[in-house]
Amino acid sequence: MGRGQPESIDEKHQRCLEAYVVRARPVEEHSLAADWDALLALTQMKIKVCFNDGEVQNRYELPPEEAVESAAARLTPILPEKENCFYMKALAALGYICQKSPQDTKWTRAARAEWRTRVNPSTREDADYWVMVPNTATGEHHDLDAHRLAMARIYGDVVHHDPEQRQEGDAFGLLDPFRAAAPLVASSMVSTIELLNHIRALNETNLSQLQQEISEERVALKSTV
């Protein structure tokens, strides 16, 4: 693109892909992604039912709070629609580049559907589950689907201080929003890394041509010593 010249469609998609790779690589380097099988398992809420002195107790297998929150921070640039590195923009760029490849087009459509289902459900009914808490003083109850509960945690407490989302999750304390946020963060990481690897594969076949330094520059510290 020459100076003062409008950006072409090819240049626009190339810019989105490169922006995405820059932001997706730190997600790939996060400690939660070191064990891929464990990350995949985290995308689904797993509850162990235990019996203790005749009482039934539910146990949730979740990583430490700090690990989930730091992963959410690395994902943050990829989630807003306004960002050049937004997941769906990168996916659209990939679809444009691979429009003559039926196999890649099929993969792109599946990835889009997976993102909308797991990461950004369009309706409350698409969420995995609901949480309901009673107010013993008033007799009223509060209920929220898992996705909104997770977003209340992520954008109300962790990466932003959104008063509306924070207030929406207030009635549920800290634990339930965290339980909802962990699978959402894991699903976002899985989708992010899978798209990153697909872009890399296409780059190797010259269908996309990323700047070399974007793929090679360090994006995370190996040691702080």
C-alpha atoms as a PDB file:
ATOM      1  CA  MET A   1       0.000   0.000   0.000  1.00  0.00           C
ATOM      2  CA  GLY A   2       1.491   3.280  -1.101  1.00  0.00           C
ATOM      3  CA  ARG A   3       1.450   6.346   1.095  1.00  0.00           C
ATOM      4  CA  GLY A   4      -1.958   7.970   0.977  1.00  0.00           C
ATOM      5  CA  GLN A   5      -3.435   5.051  -0.968  1.00  0.00           C
ATOM      6  CA  PRO A   6      -6.494   3.219   0.341  1.00  0.00           C
ATOM      7  CA  GLU A   7      -5.853  -0.183   1.851  1.00  0.00           C
ATOM      8  CA  SER A   8      -6.693  -3.119  -0.409  1.00  0.00           C
ATOM      9  CA  ILE A   9      -8.751  -6.088   0.740  1.00  0.00           C
ATOM     10  CA  ASP A  10      -5.664  -8.296   0.627  1.00  0.00           C
ATOM     11  CA  GLU A  11      -3.712  -5.833   2.771  1.00  0.00           C
ATOM     12  CA  LYS A  12      -6.568  -5.536   5.259  1.00  0.00           C
ATOM     13  CA  HIS A  13      -6.763  -9.289   5.763  1.00  0.00           C
ATOM     14  CA  GLN A  14      -2.994  -9.566   5.965  1.00  0.00           C
ATOM     15  CA  ARG A  15      -2.931  -6.899   8.673  1.00  0.00           C
ATOM     16  CA  CYS A  16      -5.593  -8.745  10.690  1.00  0.00           C
ATOM     17  CA  LEU A  17      -3.748 -12.052  10.414  1.00  0.00           C
ATOM     18  CA  GLU A  18      -0.463 -10.554  11.523  1.00  0.00           C
ATOM     19  CA  ALA A  19      -2.101  -8.697  14.413  1.00  0.00           C
ATOM     20  CA  TYR A  20      -3.760 -11.923  15.477  1.00  0.00           C
ATOM     21  CA  VAL A  21      -0.527 -13.938  15.407  1.00  0.00           C
ATOM     22  CA  VAL A  22       1.192 -11.309  17.562  1.00  0.00           C
ATOM     23  CA  ARG A  23      -1.519 -11.581  20.238  1.00  0.00           C
ATOM     24  CA  ALA A  24      -2.194 -15.336  19.949  1.00  0.00           C
ATOM     25  CA  ARG A  25       1.392 -16.437  20.513  1.00  0.00           C
ATOM     26  CA  PRO A  26       1.469 -15.256  24.177  1.00  0.00           C
ATOM     27  CA  VAL A  27      -1.698 -17.291  24.740  1.00  0.00           C
ATOM     28  CA  GLU A  28       0.082 -20.332  23.331  1.00  0.00           C
ATOM     29  CA  GLU A  29       3.014 -19.718  25.692  1.00  0.00           C
ATOM     30  CA  HIS A  30       0.828 -19.581  28.803  1.00  0.00           C
ATOM     31  CA  SER A  31       1.353 -22.281  31.408  1.00  0.00           C
ATOM     32  CA  LEU A  32      -2.213 -23.578  31.044  1.00  0.00           C
ATOM     33  CA  ALA A  33      -1.435 -24.493  27.420  1.00  0.00           C
ATOM     34  CA  ALA A  34       1.639 -26.536  28.380  1.00  0.00           C
ATOM     35  CA  ASP A  35      -0.556 -29.592  29.005  1.00  0.00           C
ATOM     36  CA  TRP A  36      -2.863 -29.709  25.985  1.00  0.00           C
ATOM     37  CA  ASP A  37      -4.965 -32.619  27.247  1.00  0.00           C
ATOM     38  CA  ALA A  38      -5.535 -30.866  30.569  1.00  0.00           C
ATOM     39  CA  LEU A  39      -6.526 -27.665  28.738  1.00  0.00           C
ATOM     40  CA  LEU A  40      -9.034 -29.583  26.616  1.00  0.00           C
ATOM     41  CA  ALA A  41     -10.440 -31.213  29.743  1.00  0.00           C
ATOM     42  CA  LEU A  42     -10.841 -27.800  31.358  1.00  0.00           C
ATOM     43  CA  THR A  43     -13.182 -26.663  28.569  1.00  0.00           C
ATOM     44  CA  GLN A  44     -15.820 -28.931  30.084  1.00  0.00           C
ATOM     45  CA  MET A  45     -17.051 -28.449  33.624  1.00  0.00           C
ATOM     46  CA  LYS A  46     -16.193 -31.617  35.542  1.00  0.00           C
ATOM     47  CA  ILE A  47     -17.644 -32.330  38.954  1.00  0.00           C
ATOM     48  CA  LYS A  48     -16.621 -35.178  41.232  1.00  0.00           C
ATOM     49  CA  VAL A  49     -19.307 -36.395  43.591  1.00  0.00           C
ATOM     50  CA  CYS A  50     -17.839 -37.439  46.954  1.00  0.00           C
ATOM     51  CA  PHE A  51     -19.425 -38.829  50.107  1.00  0.00           C
ATOM     52  CA  ASN A  52     -18.230 -37.544  53.449  1.00  0.00           C
ATOM     53  CA  ASP A  53     -19.885 -38.775  56.667  1.00  0.00           C
ATOM     54  CA  GLY A  54     -23.011 -39.620  54.736  1.00  0.00           C
ATOM     55  CA  GLU A  55     -23.180 -36.217  53.015  1.00  0.00           C
ATOM     56  CA  VAL A  56     -22.830 -35.657  49.293  1.00  0.00           C
ATOM     57  CA  GLN A  57     -20.150 -33.126  48.317  1.00  0.00           C
ATOM     58  CA  ASN A  58     -19.285 -31.799  44.881  1.00  0.00           C
ATOM     59  CA  ARG A  59     -15.627 -31.274  44.009  1.00  0.00           C
ATOM     60  CA  TYR A  60     -14.549 -29.116  41.081  1.00  0.00           C
ATOM     61  CA  GLU A  61     -11.192 -29.756  39.427  1.00  0.00           C
ATOM     62  CA  LEU A  62      -9.975 -26.298  38.455  1.00  0.00           C
ATOM     63  CA  PRO A  63      -6.521 -24.680  38.146  1.00  0.00           C
ATOM     64  CA  PRO A  64      -5.354 -21.934  40.518  1.00  0.00           C
ATOM     65  CA  GLU A  65      -7.206 -18.639  40.308  1.00  0.00           C
ATOM     66  CA  GLU A  66      -4.037 -16.730  39.336  1.00  0.00           C
ATOM     67  CA  ALA A  67      -3.400 -19.019  36.360  1.00  0.00           C
ATOM     68  CA  VAL A  68      -6.911 -18.538  34.963  1.00  0.00           C
ATOM     69  CA  GLU A  69      -6.794 -14.783  35.498  1.00  0.00           C
ATOM     70  CA  SER A  70      -3.410 -14.354  33.794  1.00  0.00           C
ATOM     71  CA  ALA A  71      -4.637 -16.428  30.851  1.00  0.00           C
ATOM     72  CA  ALA A  72      -7.720 -14.205  30.624  1.00  0.00           C
ATOM     73  CA  ALA A  73      -5.431 -11.165  30.518  1.00  0.00           C
ATOM     74  CA  ARG A  74      -3.504 -12.595  27.559  1.00  0.00           C
ATOM     75  CA  LEU A  75      -6.757 -13.372  25.757  1.00  0.00           C
ATOM     76  CA  THR A  76      -8.242  -9.932  26.287  1.00  0.00           C
ATOM     77  CA  PRO A  77      -6.993  -8.285  23.038  1.00  0.00           C
ATOM     78  CA  ILE A  78      -8.418 -11.147  20.950  1.00  0.00           C
ATOM     79  CA  LEU A  79     -11.970 -10.920  22.306  1.00  0.00           C
ATOM     80  CA  PRO A  80     -13.225  -7.371  21.445  1.00  0.00           C
ATOM     81  CA  GLU A  81     -14.741  -6.955  17.975  1.00  0.00           C
ATOM     82  CA  LYS A  82     -13.134  -3.525  17.530  1.00  0.00           C
ATOM     83  CA  GLU A  83      -9.584  -4.905  17.647  1.00  0.00           C
ATOM     84  CA  ASN A  84      -7.670  -5.819  14.483  1.00  0.00           C
ATOM     85  CA  CYS A  85      -6.590  -9.020  16.247  1.00  0.00           C
ATOM     86  CA  PHE A  86     -10.192 -10.057  17.061  1.00  0.00           C
ATOM     87  CA  TYR A  87     -10.582 -13.818  16.596  1.00  0.00           C
ATOM     88  CA  MET A  88     -13.448 -13.529  14.114  1.00  0.00           C
ATOM     89  CA  LYS A  89     -11.556 -10.988  11.995  1.00  0.00           C
ATOM     90  CA  ALA A  90      -8.602 -13.356  11.739  1.00  0.00           C
ATOM     91  CA  LEU A  91     -10.967 -16.188  10.864  1.00  0.00           C
ATOM     92  CA  ALA A  92     -12.599 -14.039   8.175  1.00  0.00           C
ATOM     93  CA  ALA A  93      -9.161 -13.206   6.778  1.00  0.00           C
ATOM     94  CA  LEU A  94      -8.313 -16.897   6.717  1.00  0.00           C
ATOM     95  CA  GLY A  95     -11.564 -17.658   4.917  1.00  0.00           C
ATOM     96  CA  TYR A  96     -10.780 -15.010   2.323  1.00  0.00           C
ATOM     97  CA  ILE A  97      -7.318 -16.385   1.666  1.00  0.00           C
ATOM     98  CA  CYS A  98      -8.557 -19.992   1.495  1.00  0.00           C
ATOM     99  CA  GLN A  99     -11.774 -19.413  -0.425  1.00  0.00           C
ATOM    100  CA  LYS A 100     -10.626 -21.736  -3.227  1.00  0.00           C
ATOM    101  CA  SER A 101      -9.753 -24.544  -0.817  1.00  0.00           C
ATOM    102  CA  PRO A 102     -12.844 -26.605   0.159  1.00  0.00           C
ATOM    103  CA  GLN A 103     -11.003 -28.291   3.033  1.00  0.00           C
ATOM    104  CA  ASP A 104      -9.840 -25.018   4.593  1.00  0.00           C
ATOM    105  CA  THR A 105     -13.244 -23.432   4.026  1.00  0.00           C
ATOM    106  CA  LYS A 106     -14.870 -26.318   5.877  1.00  0.00           C
ATOM    107  CA  TRP A 107     -12.405 -25.928   8.748  1.00  0.00           C
ATOM    108  CA  THR A 108     -13.064 -22.191   8.945  1.00  0.00           C
ATOM    109  CA  ARG A 109     -16.828 -22.698   9.121  1.00  0.00           C
ATOM    110  CA  ALA A 110     -16.433 -25.299  11.861  1.00  0.00           C
ATOM    111  CA  ALA A 111     -14.120 -23.012  13.828  1.00  0.00           C
ATOM    112  CA  ARG A 112     -16.597 -20.138  13.539  1.00  0.00           C
ATOM    113  CA  ALA A 113     -19.455 -22.323  14.788  1.00  0.00           C
ATOM    114  CA  GLU A 114     -17.335 -23.612  17.668  1.00  0.00           C
ATOM    115  CA  TRP A 115     -16.399 -20.083  18.761  1.00  0.00           C
ATOM    116  CA  ARG A 116     -20.001 -18.932  18.715  1.00  0.00           C
ATOM    117  CA  THR A 117     -21.148 -21.957  20.678  1.00  0.00           C
ATOM    118  CA  ARG A 118     -18.405 -22.176  23.296  1.00  0.00           C
ATOM    119  CA  VAL A 119     -17.026 -18.646  23.603  1.00  0.00           C
ATOM    120  CA  ASN A 120     -19.759 -16.273  22.489  1.00  0.00           C
ATOM    121  CA  PRO A 121     -23.205 -17.939  22.623  1.00  0.00           C
ATOM    122  CA  SER A 122     -25.907 -15.833  21.037  1.00  0.00           C
ATOM    123  CA  THR A 123     -28.715 -16.721  23.461  1.00  0.00           C
ATOM    124  CA  ARG A 124     -29.040 -17.560  27.134  1.00  0.00           C
ATOM    125  CA  GLU A 125     -30.301 -21.014  26.187  1.00  0.00           C
ATOM    126  CA  ASP A 126     -26.982 -21.787  24.444  1.00  0.00           C
ATOM    127  CA  ALA A 127     -25.031 -21.464  27.691  1.00  0.00           C
ATOM    128  CA  ASP A 128     -23.829 -24.678  29.348  1.00  0.00           C
ATOM    129  CA  TYR A 129     -25.759 -24.261  32.593  1.00  0.00           C
ATOM    130  CA  TRP A 130     -27.469 -21.832  34.928  1.00  0.00           C
ATOM    131  CA  VAL A 131     -26.748 -20.852  38.520  1.00  0.00           C
ATOM    132  CA  MET A 132     -29.480 -19.802  40.914  1.00  0.00           C
ATOM    133  CA  VAL A 133     -28.977 -18.315  44.380  1.00  0.00           C
ATOM    134  CA  PRO A 134     -31.739 -17.422  46.843  1.00  0.00           C
ATOM    135  CA  ASN A 135     -31.965 -14.325  48.988  1.00  0.00           C
ATOM    136  CA  THR A 136     -33.180 -15.614  52.342  1.00  0.00           C
ATOM    137  CA  ALA A 137     -33.977 -12.107  53.557  1.00  0.00           C
ATOM    138  CA  THR A 138     -36.308 -11.120  50.698  1.00  0.00           C
ATOM    139  CA  GLY A 139     -37.382 -14.508  49.385  1.00  0.00           C
ATOM    140  CA  GLU A 140     -36.233 -13.498  45.919  1.00  0.00           C
ATOM    141  CA  HIS A 141     -33.672 -15.376  43.852  1.00  0.00           C
ATOM    142  CA  HIS A 142     -31.007 -14.454  41.304  1.00  0.00           C
ATOM    143  CA  ASP A 143     -30.191 -16.588  38.297  1.00  0.00           C
ATOM    144  CA  LEU A 144     -27.558 -16.213  35.614  1.00  0.00           C
ATOM    145  CA  ASP A 145     -26.335 -18.384  32.760  1.00  0.00           C
ATOM    146  CA  ALA A 146     -22.759 -19.635  32.779  1.00  0.00           C
ATOM    147  CA  HIS A 147     -21.539 -17.312  30.029  1.00  0.00           C
ATOM    148  CA  ARG A 148     -22.810 -14.119  31.655  1.00  0.00           C
ATOM    149  CA  LEU A 149     -21.527 -15.331  34.996  1.00  0.00           C
ATOM    150  CA  ALA A 150     -18.081 -15.886  33.478  1.00  0.00           C
ATOM    151  CA  MET A 151     -18.104 -12.480  31.796  1.00  0.00           C
ATOM    152  CA  ALA A 152     -19.080 -10.859  35.085  1.00  0.00           C
ATOM    153  CA  ARG A 153     -15.946 -12.360  36.574  1.00  0.00           C
ATOM    154  CA  ILE A 154     -13.603 -11.587  33.659  1.00  0.00           C
ATOM    155  CA  TYR A 155     -14.779  -8.087  32.753  1.00  0.00           C
ATOM    156  CA  GLY A 156     -16.167  -7.089  36.115  1.00  0.00           C
ATOM    157  CA  ASP A 157     -13.212  -8.149  38.267  1.00  0.00           C
ATOM    158  CA  VAL A 158     -10.172  -9.322  36.299  1.00  0.00           C
ATOM    159  CA  VAL A 159      -9.273  -7.468  33.113  1.00  0.00           C
ATOM    160  CA  HIS A 160     -11.703  -4.550  33.453  1.00  0.00           C
ATOM    161  CA  HIS A 161     -13.898  -2.918  36.057  1.00  0.00           C
ATOM    162  CA  ASP A 162     -17.221  -2.933  34.253  1.00  0.00           C
ATOM    163  CA  PRO A 163     -19.744  -1.776  36.888  1.00  0.00           C
ATOM    164  CA  GLU A 164     -22.748  -3.367  35.147  1.00  0.00           C
ATOM    165  CA  GLN A 165     -21.150  -6.769  34.730  1.00  0.00           C
ATOM    166  CA  ARG A 166     -19.648  -6.633  38.209  1.00  0.00           C
ATOM    167  CA  GLN A 167     -23.054  -5.845  39.681  1.00  0.00           C
ATOM    168  CA  GLU A 168     -24.633  -8.672  37.700  1.00  0.00           C
ATOM    169  CA  GLY A 169     -22.310 -11.177  39.351  1.00  0.00           C
ATOM    170  CA  ASP A 170     -22.328  -9.682  42.868  1.00  0.00           C
ATOM    171  CA  ALA A 171     -25.065 -11.954  44.180  1.00  0.00           C
ATOM    172  CA  PHE A 172     -23.053 -15.062  43.298  1.00  0.00           C
ATOM    173  CA  GLY A 173     -19.951 -14.292  45.344  1.00  0.00           C
ATOM    174  CA  LEU A 174     -16.513 -15.261  44.019  1.00  0.00           C
ATOM    175  CA  LEU A 175     -16.565 -19.010  43.565  1.00  0.00           C
ATOM    176  CA  ASP A 176     -19.447 -19.525  41.112  1.00  0.00           C
ATOM    177  CA  PRO A 177     -18.219 -16.834  38.676  1.00  0.00           C
ATOM    178  CA  PHE A 178     -14.732 -18.366  38.803  1.00  0.00           C
ATOM    179  CA  ARG A 179     -16.129 -21.833  38.113  1.00  0.00           C
ATOM    180  CA  ALA A 180     -17.907 -20.401  35.074  1.00  0.00           C
ATOM    181  CA  ALA A 181     -14.901 -18.377  33.893  1.00  0.00           C
ATOM    182  CA  ALA A 182     -12.361 -21.222  33.910  1.00  0.00           C
ATOM    183  CA  PRO A 183     -13.995 -23.309  31.134  1.00  0.00           C
ATOM    184  CA  LEU A 184     -14.653 -20.177  29.080  1.00  0.00           C
ATOM    185  CA  VAL A 185     -11.001 -19.138  29.308  1.00  0.00           C
ATOM    186  CA  ALA A 186      -9.896 -22.667  28.394  1.00  0.00           C
ATOM    187  CA  SER A 187     -12.243 -22.802  25.386  1.00  0.00           C
ATOM    188  CA  SER A 188     -10.992 -19.425  24.207  1.00  0.00           C
ATOM    189  CA  MET A 189      -7.391 -20.604  24.527  1.00  0.00           C
ATOM    190  CA  VAL A 190      -8.050 -23.802  22.577  1.00  0.00           C
ATOM    191  CA  SER A 191      -9.761 -21.952  19.725  1.00  0.00           C
ATOM    192  CA  THR A 192      -7.070 -19.270  19.707  1.00  0.00           C
ATOM    193  CA  ILE A 193      -4.195 -21.748  19.510  1.00  0.00           C
ATOM    194  CA  GLU A 194      -5.888 -23.950  16.914  1.00  0.00           C
ATOM    195  CA  LEU A 195      -6.420 -20.940  14.648  1.00  0.00           C
ATOM    196  CA  LEU A 196      -2.824 -19.854  15.204  1.00  0.00           C
ATOM    197  CA  ASN A 197      -1.569 -23.278  14.116  1.00  0.00           C
ATOM    198  CA  HIS A 198      -3.806 -23.241  11.056  1.00  0.00           C
ATOM    199  CA  ILE A 199      -2.412 -19.869  10.031  1.00  0.00           C
ATOM    200  CA  ARG A 200       1.104 -21.243  10.469  1.00  0.00           C
ATOM    201  CA  ALA A 201       0.314 -24.250   8.287  1.00  0.00           C
ATOM    202  CA  LEU A 202      -0.998 -22.006   5.522  1.00  0.00           C
ATOM    203  CA  ASN A 203       2.049 -19.786   5.844  1.00  0.00           C
ATOM    204  CA  GLU A 204       4.270 -22.798   5.207  1.00  0.00           C
ATOM    205  CA  THR A 205       2.379 -23.520   1.984  1.00  0.00           C
ATOM    206  CA  ASN A 206       2.667 -19.832   0.966  1.00  0.00           C
ATOM    207  CA  LEU A 207      -1.107 -19.321   0.974  1.00  0.00           C
ATOM    208  CA  SER A 208      -0.442 -16.612   3.541  1.00  0.00           C
ATOM    209  CA  GLN A 209       2.818 -14.724   3.882  1.00  0.00           C
ATOM    210  CA  LEU A 210       3.486 -13.456   7.377  1.00  0.00           C
ATOM    211  CA  GLN A 211       6.421 -11.239   8.162  1.00  0.00           C
ATOM    212  CA  GLN A 212       9.138 -13.485   9.537  1.00  0.00           C
ATOM    213  CA  GLU A 213       9.770 -11.466  12.676  1.00  0.00           C
ATOM    214  CA  ILE A 214       6.107 -11.801  13.698  1.00  0.00           C
ATOM    215  CA  SER A 215       6.500 -15.549  13.967  1.00  0.00           C
ATOM    216  CA  GLU A 216       9.949 -15.540  15.536  1.00  0.00           C
ATOM    217  CA  GLU A 217      10.104 -12.674  18.034  1.00  0.00           C
ATOM    218  CA  ARG A 218       9.967 -13.544  21.722  1.00  0.00           C
ATOM    219  CA  VAL A 219       6.546 -13.042  23.240  1.00  0.00           C
ATOM    220  CA  ALA A 220       6.995 -14.413  26.760  1.00  0.00           C
ATOM    221  CA  LEU A 221       9.792 -14.601  29.302  1.00  0.00           C
ATOM    222  CA  LYS A 222      11.345 -18.006  29.855  1.00  0.00           C
ATOM    223  CA  SER A 223      12.970 -16.793  33.052  1.00  0.00           C
ATOM    224  CA  THR A 224      12.753 -13.666  35.198  1.00  0.00           C
ATOM    225  CA  VAL A 225      16.225 -14.138  36.670  1.00  0.00           C
END
